[in-house]
């Protein structure tokens, strides 16, 4: 039995099964009752955003899984999730991505959660503070499902520098629609896919 939270119905874009951390977050179609939940050990972040002339808007989710997810990446290990609105204002890119073409300072507004207070109110999950878009980092090229069309997603968790965090691609690739023109274009919807799952047991992350 797969357990999905009612509040996150169709919130975040589909994640292909071929990529490094293959979590499907797309079809939150209703909560199933009677599902056993273990302690959260893994956290996965993803987002769907639309850039504009002076900023971006979108939604992001932090989805938490128990220890079973570490081996099989099975969404049956779902524990809980937080959904958020994100807005970004165009800014100068921080150090860490010399070739990034656009950067944003981010603000996060909570939509809802089915997590208890230890996860649902933890300010750690209102990050990142800033992000930027640029070329796909060499360390992530091997897991790029849309080579030649994906962009690099760079994030700052300390407000001082950027680090390669994942990939960005036209959300039409997820839905089977017709992709728009290459690049980072206003009014186009993009999936932001994190290449890292956060290991809460060791306060590190798994790439």
C-alpha atoms as a PDB file:
ATOM      1  CA  UNK A   1       0.000   0.000   0.000  1.00  0.00           C
ATOM      2  CA  UNK A   2       1.299   3.456  -0.948  1.00  0.00           C
ATOM      3  CA  UNK A   3       0.512   6.290   1.476  1.00  0.00           C
ATOM      4  CA  UNK A   4       0.049   9.808   0.131  1.00  0.00           C
ATOM      5  CA  UNK A   5      -1.082  12.882   2.073  1.00  0.00           C
ATOM      6  CA  UNK A   6      -4.412  14.430   1.082  1.00  0.00           C
ATOM      7  CA  UNK A   7      -3.163  18.004   1.253  1.00  0.00           C
ATOM      8  CA  UNK A   8      -0.488  17.549  -1.393  1.00  0.00           C
ATOM      9  CA  UNK A   9      -2.725  16.455  -4.270  1.00  0.00           C
ATOM     10  CA  UNK A  10      -0.797  16.836  -7.523  1.00  0.00           C
ATOM     11  CA  UNK A  11       1.527  19.372  -5.934  1.00  0.00           C
ATOM     12  CA  UNK A  12       4.959  18.718  -7.356  1.00  0.00           C
ATOM     13  CA  UNK A  13       6.138  17.604 -10.775  1.00  0.00           C
ATOM     14  CA  UNK A  14       6.798  14.002 -11.769  1.00  0.00           C
ATOM     15  CA  UNK A  15      10.296  12.673 -11.153  1.00  0.00           C
ATOM     16  CA  UNK A  16      11.524  10.140 -13.732  1.00  0.00           C
ATOM     17  CA  UNK A  17      12.417   6.689 -12.433  1.00  0.00           C
ATOM     18  CA  UNK A  18      15.755   6.748 -14.256  1.00  0.00           C
ATOM     19  CA  UNK A  19      17.356   9.541 -12.275  1.00  0.00           C
ATOM     20  CA  UNK A  20      19.639   9.241  -9.276  1.00  0.00           C
ATOM     21  CA  UNK A  21      17.039   9.483  -6.520  1.00  0.00           C
ATOM     22  CA  UNK A  22      13.875   8.221  -8.231  1.00  0.00           C
ATOM     23  CA  UNK A  23      11.067   9.514  -6.039  1.00  0.00           C
ATOM     24  CA  UNK A  24       7.628   9.903  -7.577  1.00  0.00           C
ATOM     25  CA  UNK A  25       5.948  12.929  -5.982  1.00  0.00           C
ATOM     26  CA  UNK A  26       3.366  13.631  -8.665  1.00  0.00           C
ATOM     27  CA  UNK A  27       0.219  11.654  -7.888  1.00  0.00           C
ATOM     28  CA  UNK A  28      -0.787  12.608  -4.371  1.00  0.00           C
ATOM     29  CA  UNK A  29      -4.375  11.600  -5.056  1.00  0.00           C
ATOM     30  CA  UNK A  30      -5.671  11.087  -1.550  1.00  0.00           C
ATOM     31  CA  UNK A  31      -4.613   9.721   1.794  1.00  0.00           C
ATOM     32  CA  UNK A  32      -4.731   6.002   2.422  1.00  0.00           C
ATOM     33  CA  UNK A  33      -5.687   5.003   5.929  1.00  0.00           C
ATOM     34  CA  UNK A  34      -4.004   2.445   8.113  1.00  0.00           C
ATOM     35  CA  UNK A  35      -0.479   3.012   6.786  1.00  0.00           C
ATOM     36  CA  UNK A  36       2.273   2.462   9.315  1.00  0.00           C
ATOM     37  CA  UNK A  37       4.715   5.362   9.577  1.00  0.00           C
ATOM     38  CA  UNK A  38       8.249   4.980  10.880  1.00  0.00           C
ATOM     39  CA  UNK A  39      10.539   7.765  11.997  1.00  0.00           C
ATOM     40  CA  UNK A  40      11.654  10.126   9.246  1.00  0.00           C
ATOM     41  CA  UNK A  41      15.215   9.361   8.177  1.00  0.00           C
ATOM     42  CA  UNK A  42      15.305  10.850   4.667  1.00  0.00           C
ATOM     43  CA  UNK A  43      14.155  14.229   3.320  1.00  0.00           C
ATOM     44  CA  UNK A  44      13.724  14.958  -0.383  1.00  0.00           C
ATOM     45  CA  UNK A  45      13.142  18.422  -1.836  1.00  0.00           C
ATOM     46  CA  UNK A  46      11.605  19.268  -5.199  1.00  0.00           C
ATOM     47  CA  UNK A  47       9.821  22.207  -6.784  1.00  0.00           C
ATOM     48  CA  UNK A  48       7.881  23.538  -9.733  1.00  0.00           C
ATOM     49  CA  UNK A  49       8.521  27.173 -10.674  1.00  0.00           C
ATOM     50  CA  UNK A  50       7.657  29.756 -13.298  1.00  0.00           C
ATOM     51  CA  UNK A  51      10.189  32.552 -13.907  1.00  0.00           C
ATOM     52  CA  UNK A  52       9.140  36.067 -14.801  1.00  0.00           C
ATOM     53  CA  UNK A  53      10.902  39.240 -15.815  1.00  0.00           C
ATOM     54  CA  UNK A  54      11.926  40.186 -12.278  1.00  0.00           C
ATOM     55  CA  UNK A  55      11.458  37.025 -10.228  1.00  0.00           C
ATOM     56  CA  UNK A  56       9.842  33.623 -10.009  1.00  0.00           C
ATOM     57  CA  UNK A  57       6.898  31.952  -8.305  1.00  0.00           C
ATOM     58  CA  UNK A  58       6.115  28.325  -7.630  1.00  0.00           C
ATOM     59  CA  UNK A  59       5.662  25.567  -5.114  1.00  0.00           C
ATOM     60  CA  UNK A  60       8.094  23.287  -3.378  1.00  0.00           C
ATOM     61  CA  UNK A  61       7.747  20.241  -1.177  1.00  0.00           C
ATOM     62  CA  UNK A  62       9.873  18.603   1.461  1.00  0.00           C
ATOM     63  CA  UNK A  63       8.893  14.937   1.565  1.00  0.00           C
ATOM     64  CA  UNK A  64      10.066  12.718   4.420  1.00  0.00           C
ATOM     65  CA  UNK A  65      10.614   8.957   4.308  1.00  0.00           C
ATOM     66  CA  UNK A  66      11.540   6.324   6.846  1.00  0.00           C
ATOM     67  CA  UNK A  67      14.690   4.192   6.747  1.00  0.00           C
ATOM     68  CA  UNK A  68      13.305   1.775   4.125  1.00  0.00           C
ATOM     69  CA  UNK A  69      13.584   4.467   1.469  1.00  0.00           C
ATOM     70  CA  UNK A  70      17.385   4.503   1.696  1.00  0.00           C
ATOM     71  CA  UNK A  71      17.660   1.117  -0.020  1.00  0.00           C
ATOM     72  CA  UNK A  72      14.715   0.787  -2.372  1.00  0.00           C
ATOM     73  CA  UNK A  73      13.657   4.453  -2.871  1.00  0.00           C
ATOM     74  CA  UNK A  74      10.134   3.102  -2.304  1.00  0.00           C
ATOM     75  CA  UNK A  75       7.448   5.751  -1.856  1.00  0.00           C
ATOM     76  CA  UNK A  76       5.705   3.294   0.433  1.00  0.00           C
ATOM     77  CA  UNK A  77       8.230   4.520   2.999  1.00  0.00           C
ATOM     78  CA  UNK A  78       6.470   7.913   3.038  1.00  0.00           C
ATOM     79  CA  UNK A  79       6.184   9.516   6.492  1.00  0.00           C
ATOM     80  CA  UNK A  80       4.898  13.052   5.901  1.00  0.00           C
ATOM     81  CA  UNK A  81       5.445  16.176   3.822  1.00  0.00           C
ATOM     82  CA  UNK A  82       5.469  19.961   3.875  1.00  0.00           C
ATOM     83  CA  UNK A  83       4.162  22.060   0.986  1.00  0.00           C
ATOM     84  CA  UNK A  84       5.252  25.649   0.452  1.00  0.00           C
ATOM     85  CA  UNK A  85       4.887  28.588  -1.896  1.00  0.00           C
ATOM     86  CA  UNK A  86       8.199  30.045  -3.019  1.00  0.00           C
ATOM     87  CA  UNK A  87       8.806  33.469  -4.510  1.00  0.00           C
ATOM     88  CA  UNK A  88      12.088  34.771  -5.801  1.00  0.00           C
ATOM     89  CA  UNK A  89      13.461  38.203  -6.629  1.00  0.00           C
ATOM     90  CA  UNK A  90      16.206  38.512  -9.221  1.00  0.00           C
ATOM     91  CA  UNK A  91      19.555  39.276  -7.650  1.00  0.00           C
ATOM     92  CA  UNK A  92      23.287  39.013  -8.356  1.00  0.00           C
ATOM     93  CA  UNK A  93      24.544  35.399  -8.266  1.00  0.00           C
ATOM     94  CA  UNK A  94      26.557  34.447  -5.198  1.00  0.00           C
ATOM     95  CA  UNK A  95      30.017  32.895  -5.603  1.00  0.00           C
ATOM     96  CA  UNK A  96      29.997  29.248  -6.651  1.00  0.00           C
ATOM     97  CA  UNK A  97      28.521  29.437 -10.140  1.00  0.00           C
ATOM     98  CA  UNK A  98      30.540  31.711 -12.386  1.00  0.00           C
ATOM     99  CA  UNK A  99      28.437  30.831 -15.430  1.00  0.00           C
ATOM    100  CA  UNK A 100      24.986  31.153 -13.842  1.00  0.00           C
ATOM    101  CA  UNK A 101      22.788  33.444 -15.917  1.00  0.00           C
ATOM    102  CA  UNK A 102      20.112  34.315 -13.343  1.00  0.00           C
ATOM    103  CA  UNK A 103      19.846  34.182  -9.556  1.00  0.00           C
ATOM    104  CA  UNK A 104      17.069  34.735  -7.038  1.00  0.00           C
ATOM    105  CA  UNK A 105      16.716  35.576  -3.378  1.00  0.00           C
ATOM    106  CA  UNK A 106      13.969  33.289  -2.087  1.00  0.00           C
ATOM    107  CA  UNK A 107      11.103  33.581   0.361  1.00  0.00           C
ATOM    108  CA  UNK A 108       8.990  30.667   1.525  1.00  0.00           C
ATOM    109  CA  UNK A 109       5.388  30.599   2.732  1.00  0.00           C
ATOM    110  CA  UNK A 110       3.924  27.455   4.247  1.00  0.00           C
ATOM    111  CA  UNK A 111       0.826  25.959   2.630  1.00  0.00           C
ATOM    112  CA  UNK A 112       0.345  22.953   4.882  1.00  0.00           C
ATOM    113  CA  UNK A 113       1.834  19.827   6.375  1.00  0.00           C
ATOM    114  CA  UNK A 114       0.835  16.519   7.882  1.00  0.00           C
ATOM    115  CA  UNK A 115       4.145  16.313   9.785  1.00  0.00           C
ATOM    116  CA  UNK A 116       4.392  16.641  13.548  1.00  0.00           C
ATOM    117  CA  UNK A 117       6.019  19.766  14.975  1.00  0.00           C
ATOM    118  CA  UNK A 118       9.546  18.340  14.906  1.00  0.00           C
ATOM    119  CA  UNK A 119       9.462  18.395  11.090  1.00  0.00           C
ATOM    120  CA  UNK A 120       6.451  20.548  10.315  1.00  0.00           C
ATOM    121  CA  UNK A 121       7.759  23.609  12.167  1.00  0.00           C
ATOM    122  CA  UNK A 122      11.519  23.176  11.731  1.00  0.00           C
ATOM    123  CA  UNK A 123      12.898  26.278  10.007  1.00  0.00           C
ATOM    124  CA  UNK A 124      15.595  24.147   8.348  1.00  0.00           C
ATOM    125  CA  UNK A 125      12.977  23.203   5.792  1.00  0.00           C
ATOM    126  CA  UNK A 126      12.327  26.748   4.639  1.00  0.00           C
ATOM    127  CA  UNK A 127      15.571  26.698   2.668  1.00  0.00           C
ATOM    128  CA  UNK A 128      17.351  27.414   0.386  1.00  0.00           C
ATOM    129  CA  UNK A 129      17.909  31.126   0.914  1.00  0.00           C
ATOM    130  CA  UNK A 130      18.904  31.709  -2.699  1.00  0.00           C
ATOM    131  CA  UNK A 131      19.174  29.824  -5.978  1.00  0.00           C
ATOM    132  CA  UNK A 132      20.600  30.285  -9.420  1.00  0.00           C
ATOM    133  CA  UNK A 133      20.294  28.699 -12.841  1.00  0.00           C
ATOM    134  CA  UNK A 134      23.256  27.886 -15.043  1.00  0.00           C
ATOM    135  CA  UNK A 135      24.963  25.046 -16.896  1.00  0.00           C
ATOM    136  CA  UNK A 136      24.554  21.505 -15.554  1.00  0.00           C
ATOM    137  CA  UNK A 137      27.465  20.831 -13.224  1.00  0.00           C
ATOM    138  CA  UNK A 138      29.823  18.089 -14.405  1.00  0.00           C
ATOM    139  CA  UNK A 139      29.128  16.105 -11.226  1.00  0.00           C
ATOM    140  CA  UNK A 140      25.458  15.750 -12.235  1.00  0.00           C
ATOM    141  CA  UNK A 141      25.727  15.249 -15.987  1.00  0.00           C
ATOM    142  CA  UNK A 142      25.605  11.453 -15.666  1.00  0.00           C
ATOM    143  CA  UNK A 143      22.155  11.585 -14.056  1.00  0.00           C
ATOM    144  CA  UNK A 144      20.652  14.178 -16.391  1.00  0.00           C
ATOM    145  CA  UNK A 145      17.537  12.607 -17.975  1.00  0.00           C
ATOM    146  CA  UNK A 146      17.246  15.381 -20.583  1.00  0.00           C
ATOM    147  CA  UNK A 147      20.826  15.927 -21.697  1.00  0.00           C
ATOM    148  CA  UNK A 148      21.171  19.030 -23.805  1.00  0.00           C
ATOM    149  CA  UNK A 149      17.924  20.499 -22.478  1.00  0.00           C
ATOM    150  CA  UNK A 150      18.365  20.478 -18.698  1.00  0.00           C
ATOM    151  CA  UNK A 151      19.858  23.364 -16.775  1.00  0.00           C
ATOM    152  CA  UNK A 152      21.810  23.343 -13.547  1.00  0.00           C
ATOM    153  CA  UNK A 153      20.015  24.221 -10.298  1.00  0.00           C
ATOM    154  CA  UNK A 154      22.366  25.833  -7.776  1.00  0.00           C
ATOM    155  CA  UNK A 155      21.331  26.577  -4.199  1.00  0.00           C
ATOM    156  CA  UNK A 156      22.631  28.520  -1.229  1.00  0.00           C
ATOM    157  CA  UNK A 157      21.816  27.331   2.266  1.00  0.00           C
ATOM    158  CA  UNK A 158      24.076  29.834   4.032  1.00  0.00           C
ATOM    159  CA  UNK A 159      23.433  32.962   1.975  1.00  0.00           C
ATOM    160  CA  UNK A 160      27.117  33.206   1.125  1.00  0.00           C
ATOM    161  CA  UNK A 161      27.818  30.799  -1.743  1.00  0.00           C
ATOM    162  CA  UNK A 162      26.096  28.536  -4.251  1.00  0.00           C
ATOM    163  CA  UNK A 163      26.566  24.809  -4.639  1.00  0.00           C
ATOM    164  CA  UNK A 164      25.359  22.450  -7.411  1.00  0.00           C
ATOM    165  CA  UNK A 165      22.108  21.077  -6.015  1.00  0.00           C
ATOM    166  CA  UNK A 166      20.206  19.532  -8.890  1.00  0.00           C
ATOM    167  CA  UNK A 167      18.686  19.988 -12.305  1.00  0.00           C
ATOM    168  CA  UNK A 168      16.004  22.157 -13.877  1.00  0.00           C
ATOM    169  CA  UNK A 169      14.010  21.130 -16.934  1.00  0.00           C
ATOM    170  CA  UNK A 170      10.891  22.117 -18.819  1.00  0.00           C
ATOM    171  CA  UNK A 171       7.931  20.543 -16.985  1.00  0.00           C
ATOM    172  CA  UNK A 172       6.510  19.474 -20.361  1.00  0.00           C
ATOM    173  CA  UNK A 173       9.033  16.629 -20.317  1.00  0.00           C
ATOM    174  CA  UNK A 174       7.217  15.239 -17.264  1.00  0.00           C
ATOM    175  CA  UNK A 175       3.720  15.462 -18.718  1.00  0.00           C
ATOM    176  CA  UNK A 176       4.482  14.306 -22.259  1.00  0.00           C
ATOM    177  CA  UNK A 177       3.675  17.737 -23.650  1.00  0.00           C
ATOM    178  CA  UNK A 178       5.592  19.766 -26.195  1.00  0.00           C
ATOM    179  CA  UNK A 179       8.618  21.436 -24.568  1.00  0.00           C
ATOM    180  CA  UNK A 180       9.146  25.141 -25.056  1.00  0.00           C
ATOM    181  CA  UNK A 181      12.332  26.659 -26.425  1.00  0.00           C
ATOM    182  CA  UNK A 182      15.624  25.775 -24.736  1.00  0.00           C
ATOM    183  CA  UNK A 183      16.901  27.926 -21.910  1.00  0.00           C
ATOM    184  CA  UNK A 184      15.331  29.627 -18.894  1.00  0.00           C
ATOM    185  CA  UNK A 185      12.331  31.450 -20.280  1.00  0.00           C
ATOM    186  CA  UNK A 186       9.673  33.694 -18.679  1.00  0.00           C
ATOM    187  CA  UNK A 187       6.220  32.130 -18.238  1.00  0.00           C
ATOM    188  CA  UNK A 188       7.563  28.614 -18.835  1.00  0.00           C
ATOM    189  CA  UNK A 189       7.064  26.038 -16.064  1.00  0.00           C
ATOM    190  CA  UNK A 190      10.161  24.200 -14.845  1.00  0.00           C
ATOM    191  CA  UNK A 191      10.709  21.209 -12.618  1.00  0.00           C
ATOM    192  CA  UNK A 192      13.504  21.641 -10.068  1.00  0.00           C
ATOM    193  CA  UNK A 193      14.904  18.232  -9.142  1.00  0.00           C
ATOM    194  CA  UNK A 194      17.297  17.883  -6.224  1.00  0.00           C
ATOM    195  CA  UNK A 195      20.127  15.424  -6.756  1.00  0.00           C
ATOM    196  CA  UNK A 196      20.457  14.963  -3.010  1.00  0.00           C
ATOM    197  CA  UNK A 197      18.362  13.234  -0.378  1.00  0.00           C
ATOM    198  CA  UNK A 198      19.070  14.559   3.094  1.00  0.00           C
ATOM    199  CA  UNK A 199      20.123  11.872   5.564  1.00  0.00           C
ATOM    200  CA  UNK A 200      18.502  13.043   8.772  1.00  0.00           C
ATOM    201  CA  UNK A 201      20.078  10.282  10.819  1.00  0.00           C
ATOM    202  CA  UNK A 202      23.587  11.593  10.160  1.00  0.00           C
ATOM    203  CA  UNK A 203      22.668  15.225   9.314  1.00  0.00           C
ATOM    204  CA  UNK A 204      24.382  14.804   5.966  1.00  0.00           C
ATOM    205  CA  UNK A 205      23.012  14.145   2.512  1.00  0.00           C
ATOM    206  CA  UNK A 206      23.103  11.412  -0.055  1.00  0.00           C
ATOM    207  CA  UNK A 207      23.839  12.263  -3.683  1.00  0.00           C
END
